[in-house]
Amino acid sequence: MTGINVKVEYGPAGLLRERIEAGEPCALFASANRSHPQHLLAQHNAIATHTFSWNQLGLVTNRSGEWLDLLLNPTLRIGTSTPGCDPSGDYTWAFFDKMDALEPGLGQQLRERAVPLVGGRDTVKIPPGELASAWILRQELADLFIGYAHYAKTLRALPGVRYVAIPTEYNIECEYQLAVLEASKDVLALVEFMLGHDGQEFLTAAGFLPLRGE
């Protein structure tokens, strides 16, 4: 779409940030949170940061029930990503904290039931081409998985799993940021594309929320 030759490597943002800090070459770092880009900026590894998208959390399960009923069911195993290593895990833990407003102590109960299955140093390796939440449910590693809401459309087309939305008032705002580590012409052009109309249209079509004010 941009004509720019890009080599992309995917992984948990926290672990990718550590590799950048260890000296691994990287021109542009896209993180599912602002913490890791801001850390690189503070350490003078990055020269600029930009928020490029927003997301929320959602539930994936093969059980019946509404979102709160599922969370309150103590027999259901909750799968998550890994806090500290992967922003999805951090957002999930923040969501658990928010649940204390519904019922004091509920957040701690959810954290105790949660099992970080992906996004860590030694967590489950998801086979190529598989969606983590759906694969985890099929493997019976969890009964309920908390992940990103932008996968909703894809999940709803898969057999044997249900995507269950979390109401906005209880959800978490997931801010996605870029860290610019190299001020080359191609990097700056790619950033401009991602922040511009065409890039935002592409991200919105993929299920992400647009930049504020867009």
N, C-alpha and C. Protein backbone atom coordinates (compact mmCIF):
# COMPACT_ATOMS: atom_id res chain seq x y z
N MET A 1 0.82 -1.21 0.00
CA MET A 1 0.00 0.00 0.00
C MET A 1 0.86 1.26 0.00
N THR A 2 2.03 1.19 0.62
CA THR A 2 2.89 2.37 0.71
C THR A 2 4.05 2.33 -0.28
N GLY A 3 4.36 1.14 -0.80
CA GLY A 3 5.52 1.00 -1.66
C GLY A 3 6.82 0.93 -0.89
N ILE A 4 6.74 0.92 0.43
CA ILE A 4 7.93 0.86 1.28
C ILE A 4 8.22 -0.60 1.64
N ASN A 5 9.46 -1.01 1.45
CA ASN A 5 9.85 -2.38 1.78
C ASN A 5 10.03 -2.49 3.30
N VAL A 6 9.19 -3.32 3.92
CA VAL A 6 9.19 -3.42 5.38
C VAL A 6 9.43 -4.86 5.81
N LYS A 7 10.35 -5.06 6.73
CA LYS A 7 10.54 -6.36 7.36
C LYS A 7 9.90 -6.30 8.74
N VAL A 8 8.92 -7.17 8.97
CA VAL A 8 8.15 -7.12 10.22
C VAL A 8 8.44 -8.34 11.07
N GLU A 9 8.61 -8.11 12.36
CA GLU A 9 8.74 -9.21 13.31
C GLU A 9 7.73 -8.99 14.43
N TYR A 10 6.90 -10.03 14.66
CA TYR A 10 5.84 -9.93 15.67
C TYR A 10 6.28 -10.59 16.97
N GLY A 11 5.70 -10.11 18.06
CA GLY A 11 5.97 -10.71 19.36
C GLY A 11 5.38 -9.87 20.46
N PRO A 12 5.40 -10.36 21.69
CA PRO A 12 4.93 -9.57 22.83
C PRO A 12 5.74 -8.28 22.94
N ALA A 13 5.05 -7.15 23.06
CA ALA A 13 5.73 -5.86 23.00
C ALA A 13 6.80 -5.69 24.08
N GLY A 14 6.54 -6.21 25.27
CA GLY A 14 7.53 -6.08 26.33
C GLY A 14 8.82 -6.81 26.02
N LEU A 15 8.70 -7.98 25.42
CA LEU A 15 9.89 -8.75 25.06
C LEU A 15 10.61 -8.14 23.87
N LEU A 16 9.85 -7.59 22.92
CA LEU A 16 10.47 -6.90 21.79
C LEU A 16 11.23 -5.65 22.26
N ARG A 17 10.63 -4.93 23.20
CA ARG A 17 11.31 -3.75 23.75
C ARG A 17 12.64 -4.13 24.39
N GLU A 18 12.67 -5.23 25.10
CA GLU A 18 13.92 -5.68 25.73
C GLU A 18 14.99 -5.98 24.68
N ARG A 19 14.56 -6.55 23.55
CA ARG A 19 15.52 -6.85 22.48
C ARG A 19 16.07 -5.57 21.86
N ILE A 20 15.21 -4.57 21.72
CA ILE A 20 15.66 -3.27 21.21
C ILE A 20 16.67 -2.66 22.17
N GLU A 21 16.38 -2.72 23.46
CA GLU A 21 17.29 -2.15 24.46
C GLU A 21 18.62 -2.90 24.49
N ALA A 22 18.59 -4.17 24.11
CA ALA A 22 19.82 -4.98 24.09
C ALA A 22 20.65 -4.72 22.84
N GLY A 23 20.13 -3.88 21.93
CA GLY A 23 20.90 -3.50 20.76
C GLY A 23 20.43 -4.07 19.44
N GLU A 24 19.33 -4.81 19.44
CA GLU A 24 18.83 -5.37 18.19
C GLU A 24 18.31 -4.23 17.30
N PRO A 25 18.70 -4.23 16.01
CA PRO A 25 18.28 -3.14 15.12
C PRO A 25 16.76 -3.08 14.96
N CYS A 26 16.23 -1.88 15.02
CA CYS A 26 14.80 -1.65 14.83
C CYS A 26 14.61 -0.20 14.42
N ALA A 27 13.87 0.01 13.34
CA ALA A 27 13.63 1.37 12.85
C ALA A 27 12.34 1.96 13.40
N LEU A 28 11.31 1.10 13.55
CA LEU A 28 10.00 1.56 14.02
C LEU A 28 9.38 0.46 14.87
N PHE A 29 8.96 0.82 16.06
CA PHE A 29 8.40 -0.14 17.02
C PHE A 29 6.93 0.19 17.25
N ALA A 30 6.05 -0.77 16.96
CA ALA A 30 4.61 -0.60 17.18
C ALA A 30 4.21 -1.44 18.38
N SER A 31 3.68 -0.78 19.40
CA SER A 31 3.32 -1.46 20.64
C SER A 31 1.83 -1.32 20.90
N ALA A 32 1.25 -2.35 21.54
CA ALA A 32 -0.16 -2.31 21.90
C ALA A 32 -0.40 -1.49 23.17
N ASN A 33 0.63 -0.86 23.68
CA ASN A 33 0.43 0.09 24.78
C ASN A 33 1.36 1.28 24.60
N ARG A 34 1.25 2.26 25.48
CA ARG A 34 2.13 3.43 25.41
C ARG A 34 3.34 3.28 26.33
N SER A 35 3.28 2.34 27.27
CA SER A 35 4.34 2.20 28.26
C SER A 35 5.68 1.88 27.63
N HIS A 36 5.71 0.91 26.73
CA HIS A 36 6.99 0.49 26.15
C HIS A 36 7.58 1.56 25.22
N PRO A 37 6.81 2.18 24.32
CA PRO A 37 7.36 3.29 23.54
C PRO A 37 7.85 4.45 24.41
N GLN A 38 7.08 4.78 25.46
CA GLN A 38 7.50 5.88 26.33
C GLN A 38 8.78 5.53 27.09
N HIS A 39 8.94 4.26 27.43
CA HIS A 39 10.18 3.82 28.09
C HIS A 39 11.37 3.99 27.16
N LEU A 40 11.20 3.60 25.89
CA LEU A 40 12.28 3.76 24.92
C LEU A 40 12.60 5.23 24.70
N LEU A 41 11.58 6.08 24.72
CA LEU A 41 11.79 7.52 24.56
C LEU A 41 12.57 8.08 25.75
N ALA A 42 12.19 7.67 26.94
CA ALA A 42 12.86 8.16 28.16
C ALA A 42 14.31 7.71 28.22
N GLN A 43 14.59 6.54 27.65
CA GLN A 43 15.96 6.00 27.65
C GLN A 43 16.77 6.47 26.44
N HIS A 44 16.16 7.35 25.64
CA HIS A 44 16.80 7.92 24.44
C HIS A 44 17.08 6.87 23.36
N ASN A 45 16.34 5.76 23.41
CA ASN A 45 16.40 4.80 22.31
C ASN A 45 15.49 5.23 21.16
N ALA A 46 14.41 5.93 21.49
CA ALA A 46 13.47 6.42 20.49
C ALA A 46 13.58 7.94 20.40
N ILE A 47 13.25 8.47 19.22
CA ILE A 47 13.33 9.92 19.02
C ILE A 47 11.95 10.57 19.02
N ALA A 48 10.90 9.76 18.91
CA ALA A 48 9.53 10.29 18.94
C ALA A 48 8.56 9.14 19.16
N THR A 49 7.39 9.46 19.67
CA THR A 49 6.31 8.47 19.82
C THR A 49 5.02 9.07 19.28
N HIS A 50 4.13 8.18 18.79
CA HIS A 50 2.85 8.61 18.25
C HIS A 50 1.78 7.57 18.58
N THR A 51 0.65 7.99 19.11
CA THR A 51 -0.49 7.09 19.25
C THR A 51 -1.07 6.86 17.87
N PHE A 52 -1.27 5.58 17.49
CA PHE A 52 -1.76 5.31 16.14
C PHE A 52 -3.08 4.55 16.10
N SER A 53 -3.55 4.05 17.24
CA SER A 53 -4.83 3.34 17.23
C SER A 53 -5.29 3.09 18.66
N TRP A 54 -6.53 2.60 18.78
CA TRP A 54 -7.11 2.23 20.07
C TRP A 54 -7.81 0.89 19.94
N ASN A 55 -7.99 0.22 21.06
CA ASN A 55 -8.63 -1.08 21.08
C ASN A 55 -9.35 -1.25 22.41
N GLN A 56 -10.06 -2.35 22.57
CA GLN A 56 -10.67 -2.71 23.84
C GLN A 56 -10.48 -4.21 24.06
N LEU A 57 -11.01 -4.71 25.15
CA LEU A 57 -10.94 -6.14 25.44
C LEU A 57 -12.28 -6.81 25.16
N GLY A 58 -12.22 -8.12 24.94
CA GLY A 58 -13.43 -8.92 24.75
C GLY A 58 -13.19 -10.33 25.28
N LEU A 59 -14.26 -11.09 25.42
CA LEU A 59 -14.17 -12.46 25.91
C LEU A 59 -14.40 -13.43 24.76
N VAL A 60 -13.71 -14.55 24.81
CA VAL A 60 -13.90 -15.63 23.84
C VAL A 60 -14.14 -16.91 24.64
N THR A 61 -15.18 -17.64 24.27
CA THR A 61 -15.53 -18.84 25.04
C THR A 61 -16.27 -19.83 24.16
N ASN A 62 -16.43 -21.04 24.66
CA ASN A 62 -17.31 -22.02 24.01
C ASN A 62 -18.47 -22.36 24.94
N ARG A 63 -18.67 -21.53 25.95
CA ARG A 63 -19.77 -21.71 26.89
C ARG A 63 -20.86 -20.68 26.63
N SER A 64 -22.06 -20.94 27.14
CA SER A 64 -23.15 -19.99 27.03
C SER A 64 -23.10 -19.01 28.20
N GLY A 65 -23.79 -17.88 28.05
CA GLY A 65 -23.83 -16.90 29.13
C GLY A 65 -23.34 -15.53 28.70
N GLU A 66 -23.77 -14.51 29.43
CA GLU A 66 -23.31 -13.16 29.18
C GLU A 66 -21.94 -12.94 29.83
N TRP A 67 -21.34 -11.82 29.51
CA TRP A 67 -19.95 -11.58 29.93
C TRP A 67 -19.76 -11.67 31.44
N LEU A 68 -20.65 -11.05 32.21
CA LEU A 68 -20.48 -11.05 33.65
C LEU A 68 -20.78 -12.42 34.26
N ASP A 69 -21.77 -13.10 33.71
CA ASP A 69 -22.08 -14.46 34.18
C ASP A 69 -20.87 -15.38 33.99
N LEU A 70 -20.21 -15.23 32.86
CA LEU A 70 -19.04 -16.05 32.57
C LEU A 70 -17.91 -15.77 33.57
N LEU A 71 -17.67 -14.49 33.82
CA LEU A 71 -16.60 -14.12 34.74
C LEU A 71 -16.89 -14.54 36.17
N LEU A 72 -18.16 -14.51 36.54
CA LEU A 72 -18.53 -14.85 37.91
C LEU A 72 -18.60 -16.35 38.17
N ASN A 73 -18.55 -17.15 37.11
CA ASN A 73 -18.63 -18.60 37.25
C ASN A 73 -17.28 -19.14 37.73
N PRO A 74 -17.17 -19.56 38.98
CA PRO A 74 -15.87 -19.97 39.52
C PRO A 74 -15.32 -21.26 38.93
N THR A 75 -16.15 -21.99 38.19
CA THR A 75 -15.68 -23.25 37.61
C THR A 75 -14.97 -23.05 36.28
N LEU A 76 -15.08 -21.85 35.70
CA LEU A 76 -14.48 -21.60 34.39
C LEU A 76 -13.04 -21.12 34.54
N ARG A 77 -12.16 -21.75 33.79
CA ARG A 77 -10.75 -21.37 33.79
C ARG A 77 -10.56 -20.18 32.84
N ILE A 78 -9.89 -19.15 33.31
CA ILE A 78 -9.70 -17.93 32.53
C ILE A 78 -8.29 -17.91 31.95
N GLY A 79 -8.18 -17.88 30.64
CA GLY A 79 -6.90 -17.75 29.98
C GLY A 79 -6.62 -16.29 29.65
N THR A 80 -5.37 -15.88 29.79
CA THR A 80 -4.98 -14.51 29.49
C THR A 80 -3.61 -14.50 28.82
N SER A 81 -3.19 -13.31 28.42
CA SER A 81 -1.80 -13.12 28.04
C SER A 81 -1.01 -12.79 29.30
N THR A 82 0.29 -12.60 29.15
CA THR A 82 1.19 -12.48 30.30
C THR A 82 1.47 -11.03 30.67
N PRO A 83 1.04 -10.59 31.85
CA PRO A 83 1.34 -9.21 32.28
C PRO A 83 2.84 -8.97 32.34
N GLY A 84 3.25 -7.77 32.00
CA GLY A 84 4.67 -7.43 32.02
C GLY A 84 5.35 -7.69 30.70
N CYS A 85 5.08 -8.86 30.12
CA CYS A 85 5.67 -9.22 28.83
C CYS A 85 4.81 -8.73 27.67
N ASP A 86 3.50 -8.78 27.84
CA ASP A 86 2.57 -8.49 26.75
C ASP A 86 1.49 -7.51 27.23
N PRO A 87 1.28 -6.40 26.50
CA PRO A 87 0.27 -5.43 26.92
C PRO A 87 -1.12 -6.01 27.14
N SER A 88 -1.50 -7.02 26.37
CA SER A 88 -2.81 -7.63 26.56
C SER A 88 -2.98 -8.14 27.98
N GLY A 89 -1.92 -8.71 28.54
CA GLY A 89 -1.97 -9.17 29.92
C GLY A 89 -2.09 -8.01 30.90
N ASP A 90 -1.38 -6.92 30.62
CA ASP A 90 -1.47 -5.74 31.49
C ASP A 90 -2.88 -5.15 31.47
N TYR A 91 -3.45 -5.07 30.27
CA TYR A 91 -4.81 -4.54 30.15
C TYR A 91 -5.81 -5.45 30.88
N THR A 92 -5.60 -6.75 30.79
CA THR A 92 -6.51 -7.69 31.46
C THR A 92 -6.44 -7.53 32.97
N TRP A 93 -5.24 -7.34 33.50
CA TRP A 93 -5.11 -7.13 34.95
C TRP A 93 -5.76 -5.80 35.35
N ALA A 94 -5.67 -4.78 34.50
CA ALA A 94 -6.34 -3.50 34.78
C ALA A 94 -7.86 -3.68 34.74
N PHE A 95 -8.32 -4.53 33.83
CA PHE A 95 -9.75 -4.85 33.77
C PHE A 95 -10.20 -5.55 35.05
N PHE A 96 -9.40 -6.48 35.54
CA PHE A 96 -9.74 -7.15 36.80
C PHE A 96 -9.86 -6.13 37.94
N ASP A 97 -8.93 -5.17 37.98
CA ASP A 97 -9.00 -4.13 39.01
C ASP A 97 -10.32 -3.36 38.91
N LYS A 98 -10.75 -3.11 37.67
CA LYS A 98 -11.98 -2.36 37.44
C LYS A 98 -13.20 -3.13 37.93
N MET A 99 -13.11 -4.45 37.95
CA MET A 99 -14.24 -5.27 38.39
C MET A 99 -14.54 -5.13 39.88
N ASP A 100 -13.59 -4.57 40.62
CA ASP A 100 -13.84 -4.34 42.05
C ASP A 100 -14.95 -3.32 42.27
N ALA A 101 -15.21 -2.48 41.26
CA ALA A 101 -16.30 -1.51 41.37
C ALA A 101 -17.66 -2.22 41.35
N LEU A 102 -17.71 -3.38 40.71
CA LEU A 102 -18.95 -4.16 40.68
C LEU A 102 -19.14 -4.93 41.97
N GLU A 103 -18.06 -5.49 42.45
CA GLU A 103 -18.12 -6.31 43.67
C GLU A 103 -16.75 -6.29 44.33
N PRO A 104 -16.63 -5.73 45.53
CA PRO A 104 -15.34 -5.68 46.21
C PRO A 104 -14.69 -7.07 46.31
N GLY A 105 -13.43 -7.13 45.91
CA GLY A 105 -12.71 -8.40 45.96
C GLY A 105 -12.81 -9.23 44.70
N LEU A 106 -13.70 -8.82 43.77
CA LEU A 106 -13.87 -9.60 42.54
C LEU A 106 -12.60 -9.60 41.70
N GLY A 107 -11.93 -8.46 41.65
CA GLY A 107 -10.70 -8.38 40.86
C GLY A 107 -9.66 -9.39 41.31
N GLN A 108 -9.48 -9.50 42.61
CA GLN A 108 -8.50 -10.46 43.14
C GLN A 108 -8.92 -11.89 42.83
N GLN A 109 -10.21 -12.17 42.93
CA GLN A 109 -10.71 -13.51 42.61
C GLN A 109 -10.41 -13.86 41.15
N LEU A 110 -10.60 -12.90 40.26
CA LEU A 110 -10.35 -13.14 38.84
C LEU A 110 -8.86 -13.34 38.58
N ARG A 111 -8.01 -12.55 39.23
CA ARG A 111 -6.56 -12.73 39.07
C ARG A 111 -6.12 -14.11 39.54
N GLU A 112 -6.72 -14.59 40.61
CA GLU A 112 -6.36 -15.91 41.13
C GLU A 112 -6.79 -17.03 40.19
N ARG A 113 -7.88 -16.81 39.45
CA ARG A 113 -8.35 -17.83 38.51
C ARG A 113 -7.66 -17.75 37.16
N ALA A 114 -7.05 -16.62 36.87
CA ALA A 114 -6.46 -16.40 35.55
C ALA A 114 -5.15 -17.16 35.38
N VAL A 115 -4.97 -17.70 34.18
CA VAL A 115 -3.74 -18.42 33.84
C VAL A 115 -3.12 -17.76 32.62
N PRO A 116 -1.96 -17.10 32.75
CA PRO A 116 -1.29 -16.51 31.59
C PRO A 116 -0.76 -17.62 30.67
N LEU A 117 -1.40 -17.77 29.53
CA LEU A 117 -1.09 -18.89 28.64
C LEU A 117 -0.24 -18.48 27.44
N VAL A 118 -0.27 -17.21 27.08
CA VAL A 118 0.46 -16.75 25.88
C VAL A 118 1.20 -15.44 26.20
N GLY A 119 2.08 -15.05 25.29
CA GLY A 119 2.73 -13.75 25.41
C GLY A 119 3.81 -13.65 26.45
N GLY A 120 4.29 -14.78 26.97
CA GLY A 120 5.35 -14.75 27.97
C GLY A 120 6.64 -15.37 27.46
N ARG A 121 7.61 -15.49 28.33
CA ARG A 121 8.90 -16.05 27.93
C ARG A 121 8.82 -17.55 27.68
N ASP A 122 8.01 -18.24 28.45
CA ASP A 122 7.93 -19.70 28.33
C ASP A 122 6.48 -20.17 28.26
N THR A 123 5.64 -19.40 27.61
CA THR A 123 4.22 -19.76 27.52
C THR A 123 3.96 -20.60 26.27
N VAL A 124 2.71 -20.97 26.09
CA VAL A 124 2.31 -21.84 24.98
C VAL A 124 2.66 -21.20 23.63
N LYS A 125 3.18 -21.98 22.71
CA LYS A 125 3.47 -21.50 21.36
C LYS A 125 2.27 -21.81 20.47
N ILE A 126 1.65 -20.78 19.95
CA ILE A 126 0.48 -20.95 19.09
C ILE A 126 0.94 -21.32 17.68
N PRO A 127 0.38 -22.38 17.09
CA PRO A 127 0.77 -22.77 15.73
C PRO A 127 0.53 -21.65 14.72
N PRO A 128 1.38 -21.52 13.72
CA PRO A 128 1.21 -20.49 12.70
C PRO A 128 -0.18 -20.57 12.05
N GLY A 129 -0.78 -19.42 11.83
CA GLY A 129 -2.09 -19.37 11.19
C GLY A 129 -3.26 -19.54 12.14
N GLU A 130 -2.98 -19.84 13.39
CA GLU A 130 -4.05 -20.04 14.38
C GLU A 130 -4.29 -18.75 15.16
N LEU A 131 -5.55 -18.50 15.51
CA LEU A 131 -5.89 -17.41 16.41
C LEU A 131 -5.75 -17.93 17.84
N ALA A 132 -4.95 -17.26 18.64
CA ALA A 132 -4.58 -17.79 19.96
C ALA A 132 -5.78 -18.19 20.80
N SER A 133 -6.76 -17.31 20.92
CA SER A 133 -7.90 -17.59 21.80
C SER A 133 -8.68 -18.82 21.36
N ALA A 134 -8.95 -18.93 20.06
CA ALA A 134 -9.71 -20.07 19.55
C ALA A 134 -8.92 -21.37 19.70
N TRP A 135 -7.62 -21.30 19.43
CA TRP A 135 -6.79 -22.50 19.55
C TRP A 135 -6.73 -22.97 21.00
N ILE A 136 -6.57 -22.05 21.93
CA ILE A 136 -6.51 -22.39 23.36
C ILE A 136 -7.80 -23.06 23.81
N LEU A 137 -8.93 -22.58 23.34
CA LEU A 137 -10.21 -23.20 23.71
C LEU A 137 -10.33 -24.60 23.11
N ARG A 138 -9.89 -24.76 21.86
CA ARG A 138 -9.97 -26.08 21.22
C ARG A 138 -9.07 -27.08 21.93
N GLN A 139 -7.94 -26.60 22.43
CA GLN A 139 -7.01 -27.49 23.15
C GLN A 139 -7.44 -27.72 24.60
N GLU A 140 -8.54 -27.10 24.99
CA GLU A 140 -9.10 -27.23 26.35
C GLU A 140 -8.11 -26.76 27.43
N LEU A 141 -7.34 -25.73 27.09
CA LEU A 141 -6.42 -25.14 28.06
C LEU A 141 -7.12 -24.10 28.93
N ALA A 142 -8.27 -23.62 28.47
CA ALA A 142 -9.07 -22.65 29.22
C ALA A 142 -10.51 -22.77 28.75
N ASP A 143 -11.42 -22.24 29.56
CA ASP A 143 -12.84 -22.21 29.20
C ASP A 143 -13.26 -20.83 28.71
N LEU A 144 -12.42 -19.86 28.99
CA LEU A 144 -12.71 -18.46 28.69
C LEU A 144 -11.38 -17.76 28.47
N PHE A 145 -11.30 -16.96 27.41
CA PHE A 145 -10.06 -16.23 27.15
C PHE A 145 -10.37 -14.75 27.01
N ILE A 146 -9.54 -13.93 27.64
CA ILE A 146 -9.70 -12.48 27.54
C ILE A 146 -8.63 -11.93 26.61
N GLY A 147 -9.06 -11.31 25.52
CA GLY A 147 -8.12 -10.78 24.54
C GLY A 147 -8.65 -9.51 23.91
N TYR A 148 -8.08 -9.15 22.77
CA TYR A 148 -8.43 -7.90 22.12
C TYR A 148 -9.74 -7.98 21.34
N ALA A 149 -10.49 -6.88 21.38
CA ALA A 149 -11.80 -6.82 20.74
C ALA A 149 -11.72 -6.76 19.21
N HIS A 150 -10.58 -6.35 18.66
CA HIS A 150 -10.54 -6.21 17.20
C HIS A 150 -10.61 -7.57 16.49
N TYR A 151 -10.45 -8.66 17.24
CA TYR A 151 -10.59 -9.99 16.65
C TYR A 151 -12.05 -10.44 16.53
N ALA A 152 -12.99 -9.62 16.97
CA ALA A 152 -14.40 -10.03 17.05
C ALA A 152 -14.93 -10.57 15.73
N LYS A 153 -14.71 -9.85 14.65
CA LYS A 153 -15.27 -10.27 13.36
C LYS A 153 -14.71 -11.63 12.94
N THR A 154 -13.42 -11.82 13.09
CA THR A 154 -12.79 -13.10 12.74
C THR A 154 -13.32 -14.22 13.61
N LEU A 155 -13.43 -13.97 14.91
CA LEU A 155 -13.90 -14.99 15.85
C LEU A 155 -15.34 -15.39 15.58
N ARG A 156 -16.17 -14.44 15.22
CA ARG A 156 -17.58 -14.74 14.97
C ARG A 156 -17.78 -15.63 13.75
N ALA A 157 -16.77 -15.69 12.90
CA ALA A 157 -16.85 -16.54 11.71
C ALA A 157 -16.30 -17.94 11.96
N LEU A 158 -15.73 -18.18 13.15
CA LEU A 158 -15.14 -19.48 13.46
C LEU A 158 -16.16 -20.38 14.14
N PRO A 159 -16.15 -21.67 13.81
CA PRO A 159 -17.06 -22.60 14.48
C PRO A 159 -16.59 -22.94 15.89
N GLY A 160 -17.52 -23.17 16.78
CA GLY A 160 -17.19 -23.69 18.10
C GLY A 160 -16.75 -22.68 19.13
N VAL A 161 -16.70 -21.39 18.78
CA VAL A 161 -16.34 -20.36 19.75
C VAL A 161 -17.31 -19.20 19.67
N ARG A 162 -17.44 -18.47 20.76
CA ARG A 162 -18.28 -17.28 20.82
C ARG A 162 -17.44 -16.09 21.23
N TYR A 163 -17.66 -14.96 20.57
CA TYR A 163 -17.07 -13.71 21.03
C TYR A 163 -18.13 -12.99 21.85
N VAL A 164 -17.77 -12.56 23.04
CA VAL A 164 -18.71 -11.89 23.94
C VAL A 164 -18.14 -10.51 24.28
N ALA A 165 -18.88 -9.47 23.92
CA ALA A 165 -18.41 -8.10 24.14
C ALA A 165 -18.51 -7.72 25.62
N ILE A 166 -17.58 -6.91 26.06
CA ILE A 166 -17.61 -6.32 27.41
C ILE A 166 -18.14 -4.90 27.26
N PRO A 167 -19.15 -4.50 28.02
CA PRO A 167 -19.69 -3.14 27.90
C PRO A 167 -18.60 -2.08 28.10
N THR A 168 -18.74 -0.99 27.36
CA THR A 168 -17.73 0.06 27.38
C THR A 168 -17.44 0.59 28.78
N GLU A 169 -18.48 0.72 29.61
CA GLU A 169 -18.27 1.30 30.94
C GLU A 169 -17.40 0.43 31.85
N TYR A 170 -17.28 -0.85 31.51
CA TYR A 170 -16.44 -1.75 32.30
C TYR A 170 -15.16 -2.14 31.56
N ASN A 171 -15.05 -1.70 30.32
CA ASN A 171 -13.93 -2.12 29.48
C ASN A 171 -12.70 -1.25 29.74
N ILE A 172 -11.64 -1.60 29.06
CA ILE A 172 -10.36 -0.90 29.17
C ILE A 172 -10.04 -0.24 27.83
N GLU A 173 -9.55 0.99 27.87
CA GLU A 173 -9.09 1.65 26.65
C GLU A 173 -7.64 1.25 26.41
N CYS A 174 -7.40 0.58 25.31
CA CYS A 174 -6.06 0.10 24.96
C CYS A 174 -5.45 1.06 23.94
N GLU A 175 -4.45 1.79 24.37
CA GLU A 175 -3.81 2.78 23.50
C GLU A 175 -2.59 2.18 22.82
N TYR A 176 -2.56 2.24 21.49
CA TYR A 176 -1.45 1.69 20.71
C TYR A 176 -0.52 2.83 20.30
N GLN A 177 0.78 2.66 20.53
CA GLN A 177 1.74 3.70 20.18
C GLN A 177 2.88 3.18 19.31
N LEU A 178 3.41 4.10 18.52
CA LEU A 178 4.63 3.87 17.75
C LEU A 178 5.80 4.54 18.45
N ALA A 179 6.95 3.90 18.38
CA ALA A 179 8.20 4.53 18.79
C ALA A 179 9.09 4.62 17.56
N VAL A 180 9.47 5.82 17.19
CA VAL A 180 10.34 6.04 16.03
C VAL A 180 11.78 5.97 16.51
N LEU A 181 12.52 5.00 15.98
CA LEU A 181 13.91 4.82 16.39
C LEU A 181 14.90 5.24 15.32
N GLU A 182 14.40 5.49 14.13
CA GLU A 182 15.27 5.87 13.02
C GLU A 182 14.54 6.92 12.17
N ALA A 183 15.15 8.06 11.98
CA ALA A 183 14.48 9.16 11.26
C ALA A 183 14.77 9.13 9.77
N SER A 184 14.67 7.95 9.18
CA SER A 184 14.90 7.84 7.74
C SER A 184 13.65 8.27 6.97
N LYS A 185 13.82 8.53 5.70
CA LYS A 185 12.70 8.95 4.86
C LYS A 185 11.60 7.91 4.84
N ASP A 186 11.97 6.63 4.71
CA ASP A 186 10.98 5.56 4.64
C ASP A 186 10.23 5.40 5.96
N VAL A 187 10.94 5.48 7.08
CA VAL A 187 10.28 5.34 8.38
C VAL A 187 9.28 6.47 8.59
N LEU A 188 9.68 7.68 8.31
CA LEU A 188 8.78 8.82 8.51
C LEU A 188 7.59 8.76 7.56
N ALA A 189 7.81 8.24 6.35
CA ALA A 189 6.70 8.09 5.41
C ALA A 189 5.72 7.03 5.90
N LEU A 190 6.24 5.95 6.48
CA LEU A 190 5.37 4.89 7.00
C LEU A 190 4.56 5.40 8.19
N VAL A 191 5.18 6.16 9.06
CA VAL A 191 4.46 6.75 10.20
C VAL A 191 3.36 7.67 9.70
N GLU A 192 3.69 8.49 8.72
CA GLU A 192 2.69 9.42 8.15
C GLU A 192 1.52 8.65 7.56
N PHE A 193 1.81 7.54 6.88
CA PHE A 193 0.74 6.72 6.31
C PHE A 193 -0.15 6.13 7.40
N MET A 194 0.46 5.59 8.44
CA MET A 194 -0.32 4.95 9.51
C MET A 194 -1.21 5.95 10.24
N LEU A 195 -0.74 7.17 10.37
CA LEU A 195 -1.52 8.19 11.07
C LEU A 195 -2.51 8.90 10.16
N GLY A 196 -2.33 8.74 8.85
CA GLY A 196 -3.18 9.42 7.88
C GLY A 196 -4.47 8.68 7.59
N HIS A 197 -5.25 9.23 6.68
CA HIS A 197 -6.59 8.70 6.37
C HIS A 197 -6.54 7.25 5.90
N ASP A 198 -5.66 6.94 4.95
CA ASP A 198 -5.63 5.58 4.39
C ASP A 198 -5.19 4.55 5.43
N GLY A 199 -4.19 4.89 6.23
CA GLY A 199 -3.74 3.97 7.27
C GLY A 199 -4.80 3.74 8.32
N GLN A 200 -5.47 4.81 8.72
CA GLN A 200 -6.53 4.69 9.72
C GLN A 200 -7.72 3.91 9.17
N GLU A 201 -8.01 4.09 7.90
CA GLU A 201 -9.10 3.33 7.28
C GLU A 201 -8.78 1.84 7.28
N PHE A 202 -7.53 1.51 7.01
CA PHE A 202 -7.09 0.11 7.01
C PHE A 202 -7.22 -0.49 8.41
N LEU A 203 -6.78 0.25 9.43
CA LEU A 203 -6.84 -0.25 10.81
C LEU A 203 -8.28 -0.39 11.29
N THR A 204 -9.12 0.56 10.93
CA THR A 204 -10.53 0.48 11.32
C THR A 204 -11.21 -0.72 10.67
N ALA A 205 -10.88 -0.99 9.41
CA ALA A 205 -11.44 -2.15 8.72
C ALA A 205 -11.00 -3.45 9.38
N ALA A 206 -9.84 -3.43 10.03
CA ALA A 206 -9.32 -4.61 10.72
C ALA A 206 -9.91 -4.76 12.13
N GLY A 207 -10.77 -3.82 12.53
CA GLY A 207 -11.44 -3.94 13.81
C GLY A 207 -10.94 -3.02 14.91
N PHE A 208 -9.90 -2.25 14.61
CA PHE A 208 -9.38 -1.32 15.62
C PHE A 208 -10.25 -0.07 15.69
N LEU A 209 -10.12 0.66 16.79
CA LEU A 209 -10.84 1.91 16.94
C LEU A 209 -9.97 3.04 16.38
N PRO A 210 -10.58 4.05 15.76
CA PRO A 210 -9.80 5.12 15.14
C PRO A 210 -9.17 6.04 16.17
N LEU A 211 -8.24 6.83 15.70
CA LEU A 211 -7.65 7.86 16.55
C LEU A 211 -8.73 8.82 17.02
N ARG A 212 -8.57 9.36 18.21
CA ARG A 212 -9.53 10.31 18.73
C ARG A 212 -9.57 11.54 17.85
N GLY A 213 -10.79 11.98 17.54
CA GLY A 213 -10.95 13.14 16.68
C GLY A 213 -11.02 12.80 15.22
N GLU A 214 -10.80 11.48 14.89
CA GLU A 214 -10.88 11.07 13.48
C GLU A 214 -12.33 10.76 13.11
